[in-house]
Amino acid sequence: MKKRVSILGATGSIGKNSLDVISRNKDEFEVVLLAARSSRDEMEKLKNLWPDAVCVLSGEEGGKEKLLSAIANANADITINGISGASGLEPSLAVIESGSDLALANKETVVMAAPLVFRLAKEKNIKIIPVDSEHSAIFNLIKARESEKGAVSEIILTASGGPFRKMSLEELKKVTAKDALAHPTWKMGQKITIDSASMANKGLEIIEACALFDMPQEKINVVIHPQSIVHSMIKLRNGAIYAQLSKPDMRHPIHDALFWPKTAPLNLDALNFDNLTLEFEKPDIQKFPMLNLARECAGKGGLYPCAYNAVNESAVEAFLQNKIGFFDISGITRNVLDKDWTGECTGKEEILNADAKARKEAVFYIEKNI
């Protein structure tokens, strides 16, 4: 029997790569739902390619309600959430409520609402399978050691370093949104590309890894690896380090999530070690303060991770509009996080209220910078 698949964010990078993987394995999968925010022309093309799938544009009037209803009625076995940003949280919750396994590329779901998300997932007996290349790597590496409880002593997240890793502090003060969007390795959406440049993306991944793998932030380290071949590593109690290596291609983790728990053949170019150089270096915390701000939020818990995500999204939007400078992203984030964000994130309304409050605070500081 074919596995029924829903894809949220179908016209984005994750969605396109997911459909590519499925098109190579049509005997294994049936696409039942395709959703996008506003790419009407692209969705029309997808309707022609996947005529049996329900198609939803969530950005239209009443679109959010239509999307949540479509998720509830899709009867999917697995749903890929490739929606960007905080707007992916409610669809993730709807997926869990529907009983579908969740292949999660929307890291904000876990950053904002980990206690709620994992409680509901346990109640519904569904699996959350990470699709980010780093967390997919860790997920599979840990699964290989799951027979030995406590074997993993440290998680090592790799980061490309983005386009600014070799710039000085003075040079970084002058960079523009156009500079930040020129990622040297990955082709992604604007928001995540800016996050990669500021390393806020890696900060979000630290918070996400704490929740996904039940590890304190002090046991999650980050190393710059510009080739993006090593997708992440785990260190065992005996000091041995295990890594997952592949070319930087999101079809790998998407394929693994779709076929989970099986390991299936994937017809993509394999690594060639004949002429391969791998570099690693320590991230510069002064140049990338969003990393330590994320660690602070992961350590404090409560609604701090939710606030971190909200203010960063607001600041990135302002940076893309040339309203603030590159370092203002971290400065505004610092100012907002200095407020009190204690509290339990166990209810959806509480989380959404904290998200809205953090965005309001961010706008205040953005306007002060203009």
Foldseek 3Di string as FASTA:
>chain_A
DAAEEAEEQLVFPLNVLLVVLCVVVVVRYAYAEYEHADPVVVQVVVCVVRVNHHYAHLNDVCRVVVLLVCLLPSLGQEYEQPDEAPVSQVSLVSNLVSLHAYAYPHLLNCLLFLQQNVVSCVVSVHHYAYLQLQSNFVVVVCVVVVVDPQFFQAKEAEALQFQPQPPDPVVQQPDALVSQQPGPADDGDSLVSLCSNLVLNVLSVLLSCCSVVVDQSVRYHYKYKNQCQFRIWTATPVGDIDTHGFHPDSSVSSSPVSPPPDDDDDPDDGDDPPDDDIDIDHGDCVSRVSNVQSSVCSNQDARSSLLLRLLLVLVSVCRNVVLAGSVVSVVLSVVLSVDDRHHHSNDPVVSVVSSVVSNVSSVVVSVVRD
